[in-house]
Amino acid sequence: MIVLALVLAGCSAPVRDLDKVQKCQGAKDVMATGLPVDEFKPDPEPPLPSDSVQDPRGKQKGDSVEVAAVIDADPQVVKESIAKAVSARGWSAKSDNGSMVSYESPSGLKGDVKLVLCDDEDDFVVFTQQGK
């Protein structure tokens, strides 16, 4: 019975790794294909914490904005900085789990922030928001 449990545990690990690889690749794709935020000027700009992320890049299609940035601090510090940036705008923020923050503006804009921790190189924060 113990051997079976070990085999099953070993089989489930690659699935999580594949998901992590896909999320890392998605963040890298946004960084590679997106424009610098100060160039494409999303309206409104996601609540980027300037002191803990660098090189934010992304794209906007209609009311949908996707921005990725390289994390330049401990992930917990980045998460707290994002929450402060959201609060400074008068928007509401909540933590869904250890790696995500959701926010909403009084006008109905909704956004999600995911921390994407990659093993190989940079870690990222990815903002996806909808509305104005």
C-alpha atoms as a PDB file:
ATOM      1  CA  MET A   1       0.000   0.000   0.000  1.00  0.00           C
ATOM      2  CA  ILE A   2       2.842   2.411   0.812  1.00  0.00           C
ATOM      3  CA  VAL A   3       4.496   1.785  -2.563  1.00  0.00           C
ATOM      4  CA  LEU A   4       1.258   2.653  -4.367  1.00  0.00           C
ATOM      5  CA  ALA A   5       0.991   5.929  -2.445  1.00  0.00           C
ATOM      6  CA  LEU A   6       4.554   6.838  -3.401  1.00  0.00           C
ATOM      7  CA  VAL A   7       3.903   6.039  -7.050  1.00  0.00           C
ATOM      8  CA  LEU A   8       0.746   8.148  -7.062  1.00  0.00           C
ATOM      9  CA  ALA A   9       2.512  11.020  -5.318  1.00  0.00           C
ATOM     10  CA  GLY A  10       5.295  10.825  -7.886  1.00  0.00           C
ATOM     11  CA  CYS A  11       2.782  10.976 -10.730  1.00  0.00           C
ATOM     12  CA  SER A  12       1.053  14.090  -9.438  1.00  0.00           C
ATOM     13  CA  ALA A  13       4.217  16.193  -9.108  1.00  0.00           C
ATOM     14  CA  PRO A  14       4.870  16.604 -12.864  1.00  0.00           C
ATOM     15  CA  VAL A  15       1.327  17.940 -13.369  1.00  0.00           C
ATOM     16  CA  ARG A  16       2.006  20.789 -10.940  1.00  0.00           C
ATOM     17  CA  ASP A  17       5.394  21.396 -12.559  1.00  0.00           C
ATOM     18  CA  LEU A  18       3.787  21.566 -16.014  1.00  0.00           C
ATOM     19  CA  ASP A  19       1.238  24.101 -14.735  1.00  0.00           C
ATOM     20  CA  LYS A  20       4.058  26.166 -13.243  1.00  0.00           C
ATOM     21  CA  VAL A  21       6.026  26.003 -16.510  1.00  0.00           C
ATOM     22  CA  GLN A  22       2.954  27.131 -18.479  1.00  0.00           C
ATOM     23  CA  LYS A  23       2.345  30.079 -16.126  1.00  0.00           C
ATOM     24  CA  CYS A  24       6.016  31.089 -16.364  1.00  0.00           C
ATOM     25  CA  GLN A  25       5.901  30.864 -20.153  1.00  0.00           C
ATOM     26  CA  GLY A  26       2.712  32.960 -20.230  1.00  0.00           C
ATOM     27  CA  ALA A  27       4.353  35.697 -18.156  1.00  0.00           C
ATOM     28  CA  LYS A  28       7.466  35.572 -20.353  1.00  0.00           C
ATOM     29  CA  ASP A  29       5.274  35.863 -23.473  1.00  0.00           C
ATOM     30  CA  VAL A  30       3.598  39.016 -22.122  1.00  0.00           C
ATOM     31  CA  MET A  31       7.029  40.450 -21.316  1.00  0.00           C
ATOM     32  CA  ALA A  32       8.318  39.567 -24.811  1.00  0.00           C
ATOM     33  CA  THR A  33       5.338  40.765 -26.861  1.00  0.00           C
ATOM     34  CA  GLY A  34       3.926  43.573 -24.712  1.00  0.00           C
ATOM     35  CA  LEU A  35       4.799  47.240 -24.822  1.00  0.00           C
ATOM     36  CA  PRO A  36       6.236  49.145 -21.860  1.00  0.00           C
ATOM     37  CA  VAL A  37       3.342  50.379 -19.685  1.00  0.00           C
ATOM     38  CA  ASP A  38       4.425  54.019 -20.020  1.00  0.00           C
ATOM     39  CA  GLU A  39       4.274  53.578 -23.813  1.00  0.00           C
ATOM     40  CA  PHE A  40       0.841  51.967 -24.260  1.00  0.00           C
ATOM     41  CA  LYS A  41      -0.678  53.835 -21.267  1.00  0.00           C
ATOM     42  CA  PRO A  42      -3.474  51.496 -20.119  1.00  0.00           C
ATOM     43  CA  ASP A  43      -6.533  53.311 -18.815  1.00  0.00           C
ATOM     44  CA  PRO A  44      -6.619  52.900 -15.909  1.00  0.00           C
ATOM     45  CA  GLU A  45      -3.123  51.618 -15.247  1.00  0.00           C
ATOM     46  CA  PRO A  46      -2.973  48.503 -13.052  1.00  0.00           C
ATOM     47  CA  PRO A  47      -1.875  49.232  -9.454  1.00  0.00           C
ATOM     48  CA  LEU A  48       1.812  48.499 -10.058  1.00  0.00           C
ATOM     49  CA  PRO A  49       4.025  48.906  -6.980  1.00  0.00           C
ATOM     50  CA  SER A  50       6.964  50.842  -8.456  1.00  0.00           C
ATOM     51  CA  ASP A  51       9.271  49.983  -5.557  1.00  0.00           C
ATOM     52  CA  SER A  52       9.034  46.180  -5.889  1.00  0.00           C
ATOM     53  CA  VAL A  53       8.587  45.427  -9.614  1.00  0.00           C
ATOM     54  CA  GLN A  54      10.549  46.415 -12.694  1.00  0.00           C
ATOM     55  CA  ASP A  55      10.008  46.674 -16.452  1.00  0.00           C
ATOM     56  CA  PRO A  56       6.180  46.374 -16.539  1.00  0.00           C
ATOM     57  CA  ARG A  57       5.037  45.450 -20.046  1.00  0.00           C
ATOM     58  CA  GLY A  58       1.682  44.486 -21.467  1.00  0.00           C
ATOM     59  CA  LYS A  59      -1.142  45.061 -23.871  1.00  0.00           C
ATOM     60  CA  GLN A  60      -4.671  46.392 -23.911  1.00  0.00           C
ATOM     61  CA  LYS A  61      -7.557  45.170 -26.037  1.00  0.00           C
ATOM     62  CA  GLY A  62     -10.747  47.118 -25.481  1.00  0.00           C
ATOM     63  CA  ASP A  63     -11.374  47.266 -21.719  1.00  0.00           C
ATOM     64  CA  SER A  64      -9.103  44.273 -21.053  1.00  0.00           C
ATOM     65  CA  VAL A  65      -5.532  44.884 -19.872  1.00  0.00           C
ATOM     66  CA  GLU A  66      -2.785  42.335 -19.230  1.00  0.00           C
ATOM     67  CA  VAL A  67       0.504  43.476 -17.701  1.00  0.00           C
ATOM     68  CA  ALA A  68       3.491  41.460 -16.482  1.00  0.00           C
ATOM     69  CA  ALA A  69       6.475  42.752 -14.523  1.00  0.00           C
ATOM     70  CA  VAL A  70       9.612  41.241 -13.048  1.00  0.00           C
ATOM     71  CA  ILE A  71       9.494  40.945  -9.247  1.00  0.00           C
ATOM     72  CA  ASP A  72      12.272  42.959  -7.630  1.00  0.00           C
ATOM     73  CA  ALA A  73      11.573  41.997  -3.986  1.00  0.00           C
ATOM     74  CA  ASP A  74      10.370  39.155  -1.784  1.00  0.00           C
ATOM     75  CA  PRO A  75       6.970  37.893  -3.072  1.00  0.00           C
ATOM     76  CA  GLN A  76       5.260  38.770   0.241  1.00  0.00           C
ATOM     77  CA  VAL A  77       6.604  42.346   0.012  1.00  0.00           C
ATOM     78  CA  VAL A  78       5.303  42.587  -3.572  1.00  0.00           C
ATOM     79  CA  LYS A  79       1.875  41.328  -2.483  1.00  0.00           C
ATOM     80  CA  GLU A  80       1.719  43.896   0.350  1.00  0.00           C
ATOM     81  CA  SER A  81       2.877  46.676  -2.012  1.00  0.00           C
ATOM     82  CA  ILE A  82       0.124  45.801  -4.492  1.00  0.00           C
ATOM     83  CA  ALA A  83      -2.490  45.857  -1.710  1.00  0.00           C
ATOM     84  CA  LYS A  84      -1.237  49.321  -0.660  1.00  0.00           C
ATOM     85  CA  ALA A  85      -1.332  50.583  -4.273  1.00  0.00           C
ATOM     86  CA  VAL A  86      -4.916  49.307  -4.627  1.00  0.00           C
ATOM     87  CA  SER A  87      -5.988  50.937  -1.329  1.00  0.00           C
ATOM     88  CA  ALA A  88      -4.318  54.232  -2.286  1.00  0.00           C
ATOM     89  CA  ARG A  89      -6.695  54.431  -5.251  1.00  0.00           C
ATOM     90  CA  GLY A  90      -9.726  53.848  -3.043  1.00  0.00           C
ATOM     91  CA  TRP A  91     -10.300  50.420  -4.558  1.00  0.00           C
ATOM     92  CA  SER A  92     -11.036  47.288  -2.555  1.00  0.00           C
ATOM     93  CA  ALA A  93      -8.552  44.415  -2.407  1.00  0.00           C
ATOM     94  CA  LYS A  94      -8.722  40.893  -1.078  1.00  0.00           C
ATOM     95  CA  SER A  95      -6.314  37.990  -0.957  1.00  0.00           C
ATOM     96  CA  ASP A  96      -7.705  34.795  -2.417  1.00  0.00           C
ATOM     97  CA  ASN A  97      -4.720  32.648  -1.489  1.00  0.00           C
ATOM     98  CA  GLY A  98      -0.982  32.885  -0.985  1.00  0.00           C
ATOM     99  CA  SER A  99      -0.209  33.911  -4.545  1.00  0.00           C
ATOM    100  CA  MET A 100      -3.102  36.079  -5.678  1.00  0.00           C
ATOM    101  CA  VAL A 101      -4.743  39.425  -4.979  1.00  0.00           C
ATOM    102  CA  SER A 102      -8.059  40.538  -6.472  1.00  0.00           C
ATOM    103  CA  TYR A 103      -9.165  44.152  -6.664  1.00  0.00           C
ATOM    104  CA  GLU A 104     -12.225  46.138  -7.688  1.00  0.00           C
ATOM    105  CA  SER A 105     -12.922  49.814  -8.271  1.00  0.00           C
ATOM    106  CA  PRO A 106     -16.169  51.602  -7.350  1.00  0.00           C
ATOM    107  CA  SER A 107     -16.892  51.923 -11.100  1.00  0.00           C
ATOM    108  CA  GLY A 108     -16.843  48.123 -11.543  1.00  0.00           C
ATOM    109  CA  LEU A 109     -13.308  47.556 -12.839  1.00  0.00           C
ATOM    110  CA  LYS A 110     -12.100  44.140 -11.696  1.00  0.00           C
ATOM    111  CA  GLY A 111      -8.580  42.801 -11.625  1.00  0.00           C
ATOM    112  CA  ASP A 112      -6.571  39.789 -10.564  1.00  0.00           C
ATOM    113  CA  VAL A 113      -2.904  39.678  -9.717  1.00  0.00           C
ATOM    114  CA  LYS A 114      -0.942  36.445  -9.841  1.00  0.00           C
ATOM    115  CA  LEU A 115       2.567  35.959  -8.531  1.00  0.00           C
ATOM    116  CA  VAL A 116       4.341  33.637 -10.965  1.00  0.00           C
ATOM    117  CA  LEU A 117       7.384  32.089  -9.316  1.00  0.00           C
ATOM    118  CA  CYS A 118       9.698  30.451 -11.850  1.00  0.00           C
ATOM    119  CA  ASP A 119      12.547  28.134 -10.898  1.00  0.00           C
ATOM    120  CA  ASP A 120      14.873  28.951 -13.758  1.00  0.00           C
ATOM    121  CA  GLU A 121      15.255  32.739 -13.661  1.00  0.00           C
ATOM    122  CA  ASP A 122      13.052  35.761 -12.989  1.00  0.00           C
ATOM    123  CA  ASP A 123       9.812  35.682 -11.014  1.00  0.00           C
ATOM    124  CA  PHE A 124       6.862  37.724 -12.270  1.00  0.00           C
ATOM    125  CA  VAL A 125       3.684  39.432 -11.231  1.00  0.00           C
ATOM    126  CA  VAL A 126       0.861  39.340 -13.801  1.00  0.00           C
ATOM    127  CA  PHE A 127      -2.097  41.745 -13.722  1.00  0.00           C
ATOM    128  CA  THR A 128      -5.283  40.954 -15.635  1.00  0.00           C
ATOM    129  CA  GLN A 129      -8.014  43.571 -15.401  1.00  0.00           C
ATOM    130  CA  GLN A 130     -11.342  44.171 -17.080  1.00  0.00           C
ATOM    131  CA  GLY A 131     -13.410  47.367 -17.224  1.00  0.00           C
ATOM    132  CA  LYS A 132     -12.833  51.060 -16.605  1.00  0.00           C
END
